[in-house]
C-alpha atoms as a PDB file:
ATOM      1  CA  MET A   1      -6.145 -10.154 171.755  1.00  0.00           C
ATOM      2  CA  ALA A   2      -4.718  -7.908 173.749  1.00  0.00           C
ATOM      3  CA  THR A   3      -2.585  -4.890 173.430  1.00  0.00           C
ATOM      4  CA  TYR A   4       1.160  -4.339 174.407  1.00  0.00           C
ATOM      5  CA  THR A   5       1.374  -0.882 175.843  1.00  0.00           C
ATOM      6  CA  PRO A   6       4.833  -0.787 176.959  1.00  0.00           C
ATOM      7  CA  ASN A   7       5.729   1.506 180.462  1.00  0.00           C
ATOM      8  CA  PHE A   8       9.132   1.676 180.433  1.00  0.00           C
ATOM      9  CA  PRO A   9      10.551   3.784 183.499  1.00  0.00           C
ATOM     10  CA  GLY A  10       9.208   7.674 183.106  1.00  0.00           C
ATOM     11  CA  SER A  11       6.521   6.983 180.588  1.00  0.00           C
ATOM     12  CA  ASN A  12       3.387   9.139 181.788  1.00  0.00           C
ATOM     13  CA  THR A  13       5.345  11.186 184.704  1.00  0.00           C
ATOM     14  CA  ILE A  14       6.204  13.981 185.744  1.00  0.00           C
ATOM     15  CA  VAL A  15       9.959  12.907 184.842  1.00  0.00           C
ATOM     16  CA  GLU A  16       8.810  12.465 181.070  1.00  0.00           C
ATOM     17  CA  GLU A  17       6.732  15.663 181.344  1.00  0.00           C
ATOM     18  CA  SER A  18      10.425  17.958 182.807  1.00  0.00           C
ATOM     19  CA  TRP A  19      11.867  16.112 179.656  1.00  0.00           C
ATOM     20  CA  LEU A  20       9.597  17.279 177.474  1.00  0.00           C
ATOM     21  CA  GLU A  21       9.798  20.731 178.197  1.00  0.00           C
ATOM     22  CA  GLY A  22      13.416  20.841 178.416  1.00  0.00           C
ATOM     23  CA  ARG A  23      13.263  20.042 174.739  1.00  0.00           C
ATOM     24  CA  ALA A  24      11.088  23.526 174.114  1.00  0.00           C
ATOM     25  CA  LYS A  25      12.268  25.204 176.262  1.00  0.00           C
ATOM     26  CA  GLY A  26      15.897  24.172 174.460  1.00  0.00           C
ATOM     27  CA  ARG A  27      14.309  24.031 171.243  1.00  0.00           C
ATOM     28  CA  ALA A  28      13.035  27.601 171.152  1.00  0.00           C
ATOM     29  CA  GLU A  29      16.190  29.174 172.122  1.00  0.00           C
ATOM     30  CA  ASP A  30      18.310  27.497 169.007  1.00  0.00           C
ATOM     31  CA  ILE A  31      15.119  29.213 167.317  1.00  0.00           C
ATOM     32  CA  LEU A  32      15.559  32.605 168.554  1.00  0.00           C
ATOM     33  CA  ARG A  33      19.629  32.456 168.174  1.00  0.00           C
ATOM     34  CA  ILE A  34      19.785  31.674 164.927  1.00  0.00           C
ATOM     35  CA  LEU A  35      17.032  34.308 163.817  1.00  0.00           C
ATOM     36  CA  GLU A  36      20.045  37.305 166.309  1.00  0.00           C
ATOM     37  CA  VAL A  37      23.321  35.525 164.074  1.00  0.00           C
ATOM     38  CA  ARG A  38      21.587  36.050 161.045  1.00  0.00           C
ATOM     39  CA  GLY A  39      20.794  39.685 162.141  1.00  0.00           C
ATOM     40  CA  VAL A  40      16.998  38.662 162.450  1.00  0.00           C
ATOM     41  CA  GLU A  41      15.791  41.417 164.567  1.00  0.00           C
ATOM     42  CA  ILE A  42      13.109  39.662 166.806  1.00  0.00           C
ATOM     43  CA  PRO A  43      10.292  41.603 168.397  1.00  0.00           C
ATOM     44  CA  ASP A  44       8.563  41.293 172.401  1.00  0.00           C
ATOM     45  CA  SER A  45       5.927  39.429 171.022  1.00  0.00           C
ATOM     46  CA  VAL A  46       7.619  37.057 168.737  1.00  0.00           C
ATOM     47  CA  ARG A  47      10.389  36.681 171.249  1.00  0.00           C
ATOM     48  CA  GLU A  48       7.482  35.122 174.312  1.00  0.00           C
ATOM     49  CA  ARG A  49       5.514  33.460 171.899  1.00  0.00           C
ATOM     50  CA  VAL A  50       8.106  31.404 170.516  1.00  0.00           C
ATOM     51  CA  ILE A  51       9.257  30.918 174.385  1.00  0.00           C
ATOM     52  CA  GLU A  52       5.904  30.547 176.130  1.00  0.00           C
ATOM     53  CA  CYS A  53       5.331  27.533 172.838  1.00  0.00           C
ATOM     54  CA  THR A  54       5.499  23.741 174.585  1.00  0.00           C
ATOM     55  CA  ASP A  55       4.435  21.665 171.194  1.00  0.00           C
ATOM     56  CA  LEU A  56       7.406  20.337 169.220  1.00  0.00           C
ATOM     57  CA  ASP A  57       6.078  19.581 166.290  1.00  0.00           C
ATOM     58  CA  VAL A  58       5.486  23.641 165.900  1.00  0.00           C
ATOM     59  CA  LEU A  59       8.874  24.656 167.338  1.00  0.00           C
ATOM     60  CA  GLY A  60      10.566  22.455 164.571  1.00  0.00           C
ATOM     61  CA  ALA A  61       8.763  23.752 161.775  1.00  0.00           C
ATOM     62  CA  TRP A  62       9.080  27.578 163.480  1.00  0.00           C
ATOM     63  CA  PHE A  63      13.108  25.840 163.080  1.00  0.00           C
ATOM     64  CA  ASP A  64      13.246  25.351 159.613  1.00  0.00           C
ATOM     65  CA  ARG A  65      11.206  28.520 158.846  1.00  0.00           C
ATOM     66  CA  SER A  66      14.052  30.292 161.450  1.00  0.00           C
ATOM     67  CA  LEU A  67      16.809  29.509 158.560  1.00  0.00           C
ATOM     68  CA  SER A  68      15.312  31.811 156.126  1.00  0.00           C
ATOM     69  CA  ALA A  69      13.506  34.016 157.723  1.00  0.00           C
ATOM     70  CA  ALA A  70      14.245  37.961 156.839  1.00  0.00           C
ATOM     71  CA  HIS A  71      11.885  38.704 159.107  1.00  0.00           C
ATOM     72  CA  ALA A  72      10.888  37.274 162.593  1.00  0.00           C
ATOM     73  CA  GLU A  73       7.002  37.188 162.643  1.00  0.00           C
ATOM     74  CA  GLU A  74       7.521  34.512 159.030  1.00  0.00           C
ATOM     75  CA  LEU A  75       8.064  31.720 161.222  1.00  0.00           C
ATOM     76  CA  PHE A  76       4.307  32.298 162.213  1.00  0.00           C
ATOM     77  CA  VAL A  77       3.018  31.922 158.182  1.00  0.00           C
ATOM     78  CA  GLU A  78       1.515  28.980 156.589  1.00  0.00           C
ATOM     79  CA  GLY A  79       3.014  27.655 153.547  1.00  0.00           C
END
């Protein structure tokens, strides 16, 4: 039996890729903004790592950690 795979306009295209990149960039900016507002110092190495990340799942975990991290490096600590 054949499996139906929907093909919505923009799926697996440069449009979708650009949209996902935009979401990742926005999430990275949100993470850095939260840390800034909370008064957490952000070293350049942390800022670069966050900005360069394009994995929305990873950025989601870092976003959650940014809400309570006392130091920016805590974003990357698993657990």
